[in-house]
C-alpha atoms as a PDB file:
ATOM      1  CA  MET A   1       8.024 -58.149  24.543  1.00  0.00           C
ATOM      2  CA  SER A   2       8.072 -55.731  26.270  1.00  0.00           C
ATOM      3  CA  ILE A   3       5.315 -52.766  25.864  1.00  0.00           C
ATOM      4  CA  ARG A   4       7.346 -50.344  24.155  1.00  0.00           C
ATOM      5  CA  GLU A   5       9.684 -53.017  21.812  1.00  0.00           C
ATOM      6  CA  ARG A   6       5.539 -53.636  20.712  1.00  0.00           C
ATOM      7  CA  ILE A   7       4.561 -50.334  20.174  1.00  0.00           C
ATOM      8  CA  HIS A   8       8.185 -49.837  18.497  1.00  0.00           C
ATOM      9  CA  GLU A   9       7.211 -53.140  15.963  1.00  0.00           C
ATOM     10  CA  VAL A  10       3.900 -51.827  15.221  1.00  0.00           C
ATOM     11  CA  ILE A  11       4.545 -48.238  14.413  1.00  0.00           C
ATOM     12  CA  PHE A  12       7.900 -48.584  12.965  1.00  0.00           C
ATOM     13  CA  GLU A  13       7.885 -52.110  11.450  1.00  0.00           C
ATOM     14  CA  THR A  14       6.276 -52.611   8.561  1.00  0.00           C
ATOM     15  CA  GLU A  15       6.861 -56.552   7.747  1.00  0.00           C
ATOM     16  CA  THR A  16       4.484 -57.266  10.175  1.00  0.00           C
ATOM     17  CA  PRO A  17       0.605 -57.432   9.796  1.00  0.00           C
ATOM     18  CA  ALA A  18      -0.112 -54.402  12.958  1.00  0.00           C
ATOM     19  CA  GLY A  19       2.794 -52.596  11.350  1.00  0.00           C
ATOM     20  CA  ARG A  20       1.376 -52.377   8.065  1.00  0.00           C
ATOM     21  CA  LEU A  21      -2.127 -51.747   9.101  1.00  0.00           C
ATOM     22  CA  PHE A  22      -0.727 -49.009  11.035  1.00  0.00           C
ATOM     23  CA  ASP A  23       0.658 -47.206   8.292  1.00  0.00           C
ATOM     24  CA  VAL A  24      -1.988 -47.269   6.105  1.00  0.00           C
ATOM     25  CA  LEU A  25      -4.445 -46.261   8.531  1.00  0.00           C
ATOM     26  CA  LEU A  26      -2.026 -43.482   9.002  1.00  0.00           C
ATOM     27  CA  LEU A  27      -1.640 -42.741   5.376  1.00  0.00           C
ATOM     28  CA  TRP A  28      -5.516 -42.354   5.258  1.00  0.00           C
ATOM     29  CA  ALA A  29      -5.971 -40.179   8.537  1.00  0.00           C
ATOM     30  CA  ILE A  30      -2.919 -37.799   6.847  1.00  0.00           C
ATOM     31  CA  ALA A  31      -5.008 -37.166   3.943  1.00  0.00           C
ATOM     32  CA  LEU A  32      -8.013 -37.013   5.522  1.00  0.00           C
ATOM     33  CA  SER A  33      -6.373 -34.362   7.268  1.00  0.00           C
ATOM     34  CA  VAL A  34      -5.058 -32.527   4.767  1.00  0.00           C
ATOM     35  CA  ILE A  35      -8.725 -32.518   3.162  1.00  0.00           C
ATOM     36  CA  VAL A  36     -10.426 -30.795   5.816  1.00  0.00           C
ATOM     37  CA  VAL A  37      -7.824 -28.025   6.878  1.00  0.00           C
ATOM     38  CA  SER A  38      -8.379 -27.595   2.372  1.00  0.00           C
ATOM     39  CA  LEU A  39     -12.106 -27.342   3.242  1.00  0.00           C
ATOM     40  CA  ASP A  40     -11.869 -25.103   6.085  1.00  0.00           C
ATOM     41  CA  SER A  41     -10.189 -22.516   4.167  1.00  0.00           C
ATOM     42  CA  VAL A  42     -13.586 -22.141   1.598  1.00  0.00           C
ATOM     43  CA  GLN A  43     -15.322 -19.744   2.940  1.00  0.00           C
ATOM     44  CA  GLU A  44     -19.253 -21.572   1.597  1.00  0.00           C
ATOM     45  CA  TYR A  45     -17.921 -24.837   3.598  1.00  0.00           C
ATOM     46  CA  ARG A  46     -16.833 -22.728   6.709  1.00  0.00           C
ATOM     47  CA  LEU A  47     -20.042 -20.956   7.219  1.00  0.00           C
ATOM     48  CA  ARG A  48     -22.063 -23.835   7.180  1.00  0.00           C
ATOM     49  CA  PHE A  49     -19.640 -26.684   8.443  1.00  0.00           C
ATOM     50  CA  GLY A  50     -17.271 -24.681  10.038  1.00  0.00           C
ATOM     51  CA  THR A  51     -18.080 -26.520  13.892  1.00  0.00           C
ATOM     52  CA  VAL A  52     -17.865 -29.999  12.647  1.00  0.00           C
ATOM     53  CA  LEU A  53     -14.053 -29.093  10.682  1.00  0.00           C
ATOM     54  CA  LYS A  54     -12.737 -27.815  13.534  1.00  0.00           C
ATOM     55  CA  VAL A  55     -13.884 -30.736  15.576  1.00  0.00           C
ATOM     56  CA  LEU A  56     -12.266 -32.869  12.992  1.00  0.00           C
ATOM     57  CA  GLU A  57      -8.932 -30.517  12.965  1.00  0.00           C
ATOM     58  CA  TRP A  58      -8.817 -30.524  16.384  1.00  0.00           C
ATOM     59  CA  PHE A  59      -9.078 -35.067  16.505  1.00  0.00           C
ATOM     60  CA  PHE A  60      -6.472 -34.946  13.837  1.00  0.00           C
ATOM     61  CA  THR A  61      -3.997 -33.131  14.847  1.00  0.00           C
ATOM     62  CA  ILE A  62      -4.191 -34.864  18.939  1.00  0.00           C
ATOM     63  CA  LEU A  63      -3.948 -37.955  16.933  1.00  0.00           C
ATOM     64  CA  PHE A  64      -1.044 -37.220  15.355  1.00  0.00           C
ATOM     65  CA  THR A  65       0.409 -35.479  19.023  1.00  0.00           C
ATOM     66  CA  VAL A  66      -0.120 -39.390  20.336  1.00  0.00           C
ATOM     67  CA  GLU A  67       1.755 -40.812  17.441  1.00  0.00           C
ATOM     68  CA  TYR A  68       4.375 -38.168  17.540  1.00  0.00           C
ATOM     69  CA  LEU A  69       4.667 -39.093  21.346  1.00  0.00           C
ATOM     70  CA  LEU A  70       4.395 -42.962  20.755  1.00  0.00           C
ATOM     71  CA  ARG A  71       7.215 -42.658  18.304  1.00  0.00           C
ATOM     72  CA  LEU A  72       9.713 -40.675  21.004  1.00  0.00           C
ATOM     73  CA  TYR A  73       8.973 -43.160  23.450  1.00  0.00           C
ATOM     74  CA  SER A  74       9.495 -46.528  21.390  1.00  0.00           C
ATOM     75  CA  SER A  75      12.559 -45.240  19.487  1.00  0.00           C
ATOM     76  CA  PRO A  76      15.811 -46.920  20.580  1.00  0.00           C
ATOM     77  CA  ALA A  77      17.323 -43.355  19.429  1.00  0.00           C
ATOM     78  CA  PRO A  78      14.705 -40.830  20.113  1.00  0.00           C
ATOM     79  CA  ALA A  79      17.099 -37.360  19.201  1.00  0.00           C
ATOM     80  CA  ARG A  80      17.851 -39.055  15.840  1.00  0.00           C
ATOM     81  CA  TYR A  81      14.587 -39.743  15.190  1.00  0.00           C
ATOM     82  CA  ALA A  82      13.603 -36.630  16.433  1.00  0.00           C
ATOM     83  CA  LYS A  83      16.432 -34.721  14.287  1.00  0.00           C
ATOM     84  CA  SER A  84      15.428 -36.636  11.047  1.00  0.00           C
ATOM     85  CA  PHE A  85      13.450 -35.451   7.635  1.00  0.00           C
ATOM     86  CA  PHE A  86      10.195 -37.292   9.015  1.00  0.00           C
ATOM     87  CA  GLY A  87      11.062 -36.913  12.701  1.00  0.00           C
ATOM     88  CA  VAL A  88      10.249 -32.947  11.674  1.00  0.00           C
ATOM     89  CA  VAL A  89       7.638 -33.103   9.417  1.00  0.00           C
ATOM     90  CA  ASP A  90       6.053 -35.318  11.828  1.00  0.00           C
ATOM     91  CA  LEU A  91       6.893 -32.141  14.385  1.00  0.00           C
ATOM     92  CA  CYS A  92       5.501 -29.320  12.235  1.00  0.00           C
ATOM     93  CA  SER A  93       2.291 -31.235  11.125  1.00  0.00           C
ATOM     94  CA  ILE A  94       1.377 -30.775  14.734  1.00  0.00           C
ATOM     95  CA  LEU A  95       2.583 -27.251  15.979  1.00  0.00           C
ATOM     96  CA  PRO A  96      -0.423 -25.100  13.610  1.00  0.00           C
ATOM     97  CA  THR A  97      -3.451 -26.255  15.491  1.00  0.00           C
ATOM     98  CA  TYR A  98      -1.581 -25.459  18.711  1.00  0.00           C
ATOM     99  CA  LEU A  99      -0.060 -21.987  17.037  1.00  0.00           C
ATOM    100  CA  SER A 100      -3.740 -21.090  15.806  1.00  0.00           C
ATOM    101  CA  LEU A 101      -4.673 -20.259  18.982  1.00  0.00           C
ATOM    102  CA  PHE A 102      -2.255 -17.935  19.792  1.00  0.00           C
ATOM    103  CA  ILE A 103      -1.636 -16.725  15.673  1.00  0.00           C
ATOM    104  CA  LEU A 104      -4.831 -16.431  13.519  1.00  0.00           C
ATOM    105  CA  ASN A 105      -4.945 -18.467  10.231  1.00  0.00           C
ATOM    106  CA  SER A 106      -1.498 -20.808  11.050  1.00  0.00           C
ATOM    107  CA  GLN A 107      -3.927 -23.714  11.772  1.00  0.00           C
ATOM    108  CA  TYR A 108      -3.898 -23.860   7.209  1.00  0.00           C
ATOM    109  CA  LEU A 109       0.171 -24.512   7.384  1.00  0.00           C
ATOM    110  CA  LEU A 110      -1.009 -27.779   8.549  1.00  0.00           C
ATOM    111  CA  VAL A 111      -0.692 -29.014   4.928  1.00  0.00           C
ATOM    112  CA  ILE A 112       2.516 -29.757   5.235  1.00  0.00           C
ATOM    113  CA  ARG A 113       0.982 -33.344   6.268  1.00  0.00           C
ATOM    114  CA  VAL A 114       1.239 -34.078   2.555  1.00  0.00           C
ATOM    115  CA  LEU A 115       4.939 -34.668   3.298  1.00  0.00           C
ATOM    116  CA  ARG A 116       4.074 -37.625   5.244  1.00  0.00           C
ATOM    117  CA  LEU A 117       2.450 -39.186   2.481  1.00  0.00           C
ATOM    118  CA  MET A 118       5.772 -40.093   1.261  1.00  0.00           C
ATOM    119  CA  ARG A 119       5.902 -42.989   3.983  1.00  0.00           C
ATOM    120  CA  ILE A 120       3.805 -44.916   0.951  1.00  0.00           C
ATOM    121  CA  PHE A 121       7.095 -45.674  -0.325  1.00  0.00           C
ATOM    122  CA  ARG A 122       8.176 -47.418   2.347  1.00  0.00           C
ATOM    123  CA  VAL A 123       4.884 -49.233   2.732  1.00  0.00           C
ATOM    124  CA  LEU A 124       4.352 -50.101  -0.358  1.00  0.00           C
ATOM    125  CA  LYS A 125       8.187 -51.409  -0.438  1.00  0.00           C
ATOM    126  CA  LEU A 126       9.498 -49.014  -2.922  1.00  0.00           C
ATOM    127  CA  VAL A 127      12.775 -48.606  -1.925  1.00  0.00           C
ATOM    128  CA  ARG A 128      14.369 -48.281  -5.468  1.00  0.00           C
ATOM    129  CA  PHE A 129      12.481 -44.822  -5.101  1.00  0.00           C
ATOM    130  CA  LEU A 130      13.633 -44.093  -1.577  1.00  0.00           C
ATOM    131  CA  GLY A 131      17.004 -44.989  -3.284  1.00  0.00           C
ATOM    132  CA  GLU A 132      16.819 -42.557  -6.274  1.00  0.00           C
ATOM    133  CA  ALA A 133      15.747 -39.850  -3.550  1.00  0.00           C
ATOM    134  CA  ASN A 134      18.429 -40.410  -1.349  1.00  0.00           C
ATOM    135  CA  SER A 135      21.216 -39.471  -4.656  1.00  0.00           C
ATOM    136  CA  LEU A 136      18.808 -36.511  -5.748  1.00  0.00           C
ATOM    137  CA  SER A 137      19.066 -35.467  -1.968  1.00  0.00           C
ATOM    138  CA  LEU A 138      23.012 -35.982  -2.193  1.00  0.00           C
ATOM    139  CA  ALA A 139      22.916 -34.296  -5.907  1.00  0.00           C
ATOM    140  CA  LEU A 140      21.664 -31.064  -4.524  1.00  0.00           C
ATOM    141  CA  ARG A 141      23.818 -30.972  -1.769  1.00  0.00           C
ATOM    142  CA  ALA A 142      27.090 -31.532  -3.678  1.00  0.00           C
ATOM    143  CA  SER A 143      26.092 -28.882  -5.745  1.00  0.00           C
ATOM    144  CA  ARG A 144      24.806 -26.268  -3.088  1.00  0.00           C
ATOM    145  CA  HIS A 145      27.679 -24.500  -2.995  1.00  0.00           C
ATOM    146  CA  LYS A 146      27.556 -23.816  -7.144  1.00  0.00           C
ATOM    147  CA  ILE A 147      23.747 -22.874  -7.069  1.00  0.00           C
ATOM    148  CA  THR A 148      24.704 -20.614  -3.880  1.00  0.00           C
ATOM    149  CA  VAL A 149      27.413 -18.380  -6.470  1.00  0.00           C
ATOM    150  CA  PHE A 150      24.868 -18.851  -8.872  1.00  0.00           C
ATOM    151  CA  ILE A 151      22.078 -17.251  -7.198  1.00  0.00           C
ATOM    152  CA  GLY A 152      24.390 -14.788  -6.057  1.00  0.00           C
ATOM    153  CA  ALA A 153      25.180 -13.603  -9.625  1.00  0.00           C
ATOM    154  CA  VAL A 154      21.748 -13.210 -10.437  1.00  0.00           C
ATOM    155  CA  PHE A 155      20.534 -11.536  -7.476  1.00  0.00           C
ATOM    156  CA  ALA A 156      23.023  -8.509  -8.692  1.00  0.00           C
ATOM    157  CA  THR A 157      22.097  -8.564 -11.913  1.00  0.00           C
ATOM    158  CA  VAL A 158      18.433  -8.227 -11.231  1.00  0.00           C
ATOM    159  CA  ILE A 159      19.105  -5.166  -8.950  1.00  0.00           C
ATOM    160  CA  ILE A 160      21.882  -3.376 -11.889  1.00  0.00           C
ATOM    161  CA  SER A 161      19.103  -3.933 -14.251  1.00  0.00           C
ATOM    162  CA  GLY A 162      16.113  -2.780 -12.415  1.00  0.00           C
ATOM    163  CA  ALA A 163      18.602   0.243 -11.107  1.00  0.00           C
ATOM    164  CA  LEU A 164      19.029   1.093 -15.010  1.00  0.00           C
ATOM    165  CA  MET A 165      15.521   0.215 -15.707  1.00  0.00           C
ATOM    166  CA  HIS A 166      14.395   2.818 -12.695  1.00  0.00           C
ATOM    167  CA  ILE A 167      17.054   5.324 -14.598  1.00  0.00           C
ATOM    168  CA  ILE A 168      15.603   4.559 -18.277  1.00  0.00           C
ATOM    169  CA  GLU A 169      11.656   4.588 -17.696  1.00  0.00           C
ATOM    170  CA  GLY A 170      11.391   6.421 -14.540  1.00  0.00           C
ATOM    171  CA  PRO A 171       7.712   6.966 -13.211  1.00  0.00           C
ATOM    172  CA  GLU A 172       6.328   7.638 -16.053  1.00  0.00           C
ATOM    173  CA  SER A 173       6.336   3.878 -17.596  1.00  0.00           C
ATOM    174  CA  GLY A 174       5.555   2.374 -13.985  1.00  0.00           C
ATOM    175  CA  PHE A 175       9.036   2.109 -12.208  1.00  0.00           C
ATOM    176  CA  SER A 176       8.610   4.523  -9.743  1.00  0.00           C
ATOM    177  CA  SER A 177      11.365   3.019  -7.402  1.00  0.00           C
ATOM    178  CA  ILE A 178      14.483   0.734  -7.706  1.00  0.00           C
ATOM    179  CA  PRO A 179      12.673  -2.313  -5.395  1.00  0.00           C
ATOM    180  CA  LYS A 180       9.430  -2.015  -8.038  1.00  0.00           C
ATOM    181  CA  SER A 181      11.848  -2.161 -10.448  1.00  0.00           C
ATOM    182  CA  VAL A 182      13.927  -5.116  -9.124  1.00  0.00           C
ATOM    183  CA  TYR A 183      10.494  -6.834  -9.138  1.00  0.00           C
ATOM    184  CA  TRP A 184      10.487  -6.116 -12.882  1.00  0.00           C
ATOM    185  CA  ALA A 185      13.471  -7.864 -13.642  1.00  0.00           C
ATOM    186  CA  ILE A 186      12.491 -10.445 -11.755  1.00  0.00           C
ATOM    187  CA  VAL A 187       9.822 -11.249 -13.491  1.00  0.00           C
ATOM    188  CA  THR A 188      11.077 -10.736 -16.837  1.00  0.00           C
ATOM    189  CA  ILE A 189      14.415 -12.657 -16.004  1.00  0.00           C
ATOM    190  CA  THR A 190      12.416 -15.789 -14.922  1.00  0.00           C
ATOM    191  CA  THR A 191      10.806 -15.359 -17.828  1.00  0.00           C
ATOM    192  CA  VAL A 192       7.273 -15.469 -16.262  1.00  0.00           C
ATOM    193  CA  GLY A 193       6.294 -12.042 -17.401  1.00  0.00           C
ATOM    194  CA  TYR A 194       2.951 -10.662 -15.988  1.00  0.00           C
ATOM    195  CA  GLY A 195       2.768  -7.443 -17.554  1.00  0.00           C
ATOM    196  CA  ASP A 196       1.961  -5.194 -15.218  1.00  0.00           C
ATOM    197  CA  ILE A 197       4.640  -2.916 -15.677  1.00  0.00           C
ATOM    198  CA  SER A 198       6.376  -2.674 -19.390  1.00  0.00           C
ATOM    199  CA  PRO A 199       9.261  -0.136 -20.619  1.00  0.00           C
ATOM    200  CA  THR A 200       7.943   2.135 -23.633  1.00  0.00           C
ATOM    201  CA  THR A 201      11.609   3.599 -24.492  1.00  0.00           C
ATOM    202  CA  PRO A 202      13.822   2.237 -27.223  1.00  0.00           C
ATOM    203  CA  LEU A 203      16.665   1.633 -24.462  1.00  0.00           C
ATOM    204  CA  GLY A 204      14.358   0.128 -21.827  1.00  0.00           C
ATOM    205  CA  GLN A 205      13.020  -2.534 -24.540  1.00  0.00           C
ATOM    206  CA  LEU A 206      16.614  -3.145 -25.138  1.00  0.00           C
ATOM    207  CA  LEU A 207      17.330  -4.225 -21.715  1.00  0.00           C
ATOM    208  CA  SER A 208      14.213  -5.829 -21.461  1.00  0.00           C
ATOM    209  CA  SER A 209      15.127  -7.850 -24.602  1.00  0.00           C
ATOM    210  CA  VAL A 210      18.691  -8.331 -23.189  1.00  0.00           C
ATOM    211  CA  LEU A 211      17.468 -10.021 -19.849  1.00  0.00           C
ATOM    212  CA  MET A 212      14.567 -12.085 -21.384  1.00  0.00           C
ATOM    213  CA  ILE A 213      16.848 -13.985 -23.496  1.00  0.00           C
ATOM    214  CA  CYS A 214      19.532 -14.134 -20.775  1.00  0.00           C
ATOM    215  CA  GLY A 215      16.632 -15.590 -18.801  1.00  0.00           C
ATOM    216  CA  TYR A 216      16.788 -18.974 -20.952  1.00  0.00           C
ATOM    217  CA  GLY A 217      20.237 -19.157 -19.854  1.00  0.00           C
ATOM    218  CA  ILE A 218      19.517 -18.862 -16.205  1.00  0.00           C
ATOM    219  CA  ILE A 219      16.665 -21.754 -16.189  1.00  0.00           C
ATOM    220  CA  ALA A 220      19.020 -23.904 -17.815  1.00  0.00           C
ATOM    221  CA  VAL A 221      22.248 -23.642 -15.147  1.00  0.00           C
ATOM    222  CA  PRO A 222      21.222 -24.918 -12.243  1.00  0.00           C
ATOM    223  CA  THR A 223      19.247 -27.665 -14.075  1.00  0.00           C
ATOM    224  CA  GLY A 224      22.739 -28.481 -15.815  1.00  0.00           C
ATOM    225  CA  ILE A 225      24.561 -28.435 -12.559  1.00  0.00           C
ATOM    226  CA  VAL A 226      22.296 -30.443 -10.644  1.00  0.00           C
ATOM    227  CA  SER A 227      21.897 -33.024 -13.569  1.00  0.00           C
ATOM    228  CA  ALA A 228      26.104 -33.548 -13.846  1.00  0.00           C
ATOM    229  CA  GLU A 229      26.093 -34.374  -9.821  1.00  0.00           C
ATOM    230  CA  LEU A 230      23.481 -36.613 -10.463  1.00  0.00           C
ATOM    231  CA  SER A 231      25.533 -38.365 -13.265  1.00  0.00           C
ATOM    232  CA  ARG A 232      28.122 -38.302 -10.881  1.00  0.00           C
ATOM    233  CA  SER A 233      26.547 -40.013  -8.070  1.00  0.00           C
ATOM    234  CA  SER A 234      25.059 -42.108 -10.023  1.00  0.00           C
ATOM    235  CA  PHE A 235      28.866 -43.366 -11.603  1.00  0.00           C
ATOM    236  CA  SER A 236      30.091 -43.830  -7.908  1.00  0.00           C
ATOM    237  CA  GLU A 237      26.835 -45.596  -6.607  1.00  0.00           C
ATOM    238  CA  LYS A 238      27.481 -47.998  -9.730  1.00  0.00           C
ATOM    239  CA  LYS A 239      30.986 -48.620  -8.624  1.00  0.00           C
ATOM    240  CA  GLU A 240      29.625 -49.217  -5.071  1.00  0.00           C
ATOM    241  CA  THR A 241      27.080 -51.622  -5.992  1.00  0.00           C
ATOM    242  CA  GLU A 242      28.483 -53.505  -8.710  1.00  0.00           C
ATOM    243  CA  GLY A 243      27.645 -57.385  -8.869  1.00  0.00           C
ATOM    244  CA  ALA A 244      24.918 -56.490  -6.266  1.00  0.00           C
ATOM    245  CA  ASP A 245      20.935 -56.229  -6.526  1.00  0.00           C
ATOM    246  CA  HIS A 246      20.028 -52.612  -6.459  1.00  0.00           C
ATOM    247  CA  CYS A 247      17.486 -53.175  -3.860  1.00  0.00           C
ATOM    248  CA  SER A 248      18.953 -54.574  -1.779  1.00  0.00           C
ATOM    249  CA  THR A 249      21.348 -51.953  -1.108  1.00  0.00           C
ATOM    250  CA  TYR A 250      19.159 -50.221   0.694  1.00  0.00           C
ATOM    251  CA  HIS A 251      17.544 -50.713   4.630  1.00  0.00           C
ATOM    252  CA  PHE A 252      15.206 -48.763   6.439  1.00  0.00           C
ATOM    253  CA  CYS A 253      16.491 -47.638   9.712  1.00  0.00           C
ATOM    254  CA  PRO A 254      14.099 -48.375  12.667  1.00  0.00           C
ATOM    255  CA  ASN A 255      14.378 -45.098  14.249  1.00  0.00           C
ATOM    256  CA  CYS A 256      13.896 -42.700  11.799  1.00  0.00           C
ATOM    257  CA  GLY A 257      12.532 -44.627   8.798  1.00  0.00           C
ATOM    258  CA  VAL A 258      15.083 -43.007   6.350  1.00  0.00           C
ATOM    259  CA  ALA A 259      16.241 -45.140   3.390  1.00  0.00           C
ATOM    260  CA  LEU A 260      19.967 -46.423   4.791  1.00  0.00           C
ATOM    261  CA  LYS A 261      22.931 -48.255   2.551  1.00  0.00           C
ATOM    262  CA  ASN A 262      24.250 -51.508   3.735  1.00  0.00           C
ATOM    263  CA  ARG A 263      27.584 -50.142   5.484  1.00  0.00           C
ATOM    264  CA  GLU A 264      25.399 -47.772   6.888  1.00  0.00           C
ATOM    265  CA  LYS A 265      23.362 -50.370   8.437  1.00  0.00           C
ATOM    266  CA  GLU A 266      26.692 -52.139   9.414  1.00  0.00           C
ATOM    267  CA  GLU A 267      27.522 -48.791  11.197  1.00  0.00           C
ATOM    268  CA  ILE A 268      25.058 -48.154  13.164  1.00  0.00           C
ATOM    269  CA  THR A 269      25.050 -51.843  14.106  1.00  0.00           C
ATOM    270  CA  ASP A 270      28.612 -51.787  15.324  1.00  0.00           C
ATOM    271  CA  ARG A 271      27.760 -48.854  17.479  1.00  0.00           C
ATOM    272  CA  ARG A 272      24.885 -50.208  19.383  1.00  0.00           C
ATOM    273  CA  GLY A 273      27.309 -53.736  20.036  1.00  0.00           C
ATOM    274  CA  ARG A 274      29.932 -51.212  21.707  1.00  0.00           C
END
């Protein structure tokens, strides 16, 4: 076995003792690095342990940089890994430290490393969860056009409502401009209700009441859209996998670590054979 194949076995495979140990140590390193970044944002700890925290931050960054380069080197399809979800997250988890040399406080974006903890599903062989995650991803993708139209309608509603409230209430009640009134409309229609701006006239309060009532419907609409797509996806999945064990339906791609269906795995194998 070549050095490249050995590195691939350790980094991408979880069935071997070395691969499992690597993934467990990686998860601990990710968790500790997120804790270090969080502590660095606390002024008291930064003043007392700033040097230590900075050294640890660079240590983890260099460690993850080496790991990322080794993944690219050992992967049979580096481009596929680099463009996969975990590949993009792995890259984004090391860039903020280097950017901090040019952009102040950008190192706090390192908390994106917490997304790498999703590998725990693969380490603990919780393939069923990855299958459900894929179903959710497909449902969101299938409903993206409907959600886009819905968001566009909401956007138009808050702009019109904000403009009307600016006319009705005016600067005396805090609606000094249309952008500020649109902010009030967004806060109201999403049922957040900060209370920093509120209408005082009967007509303004009527419009506010209508928006608040509409807000409950607005919350329910995207939920219904995604739920419908999830049900459709689940029904299709049952038809495809009828009579087969659900857990055996998914396999991990050796190049990028994402869950693949049997059919997708066979297609990749056929392409390699050619």
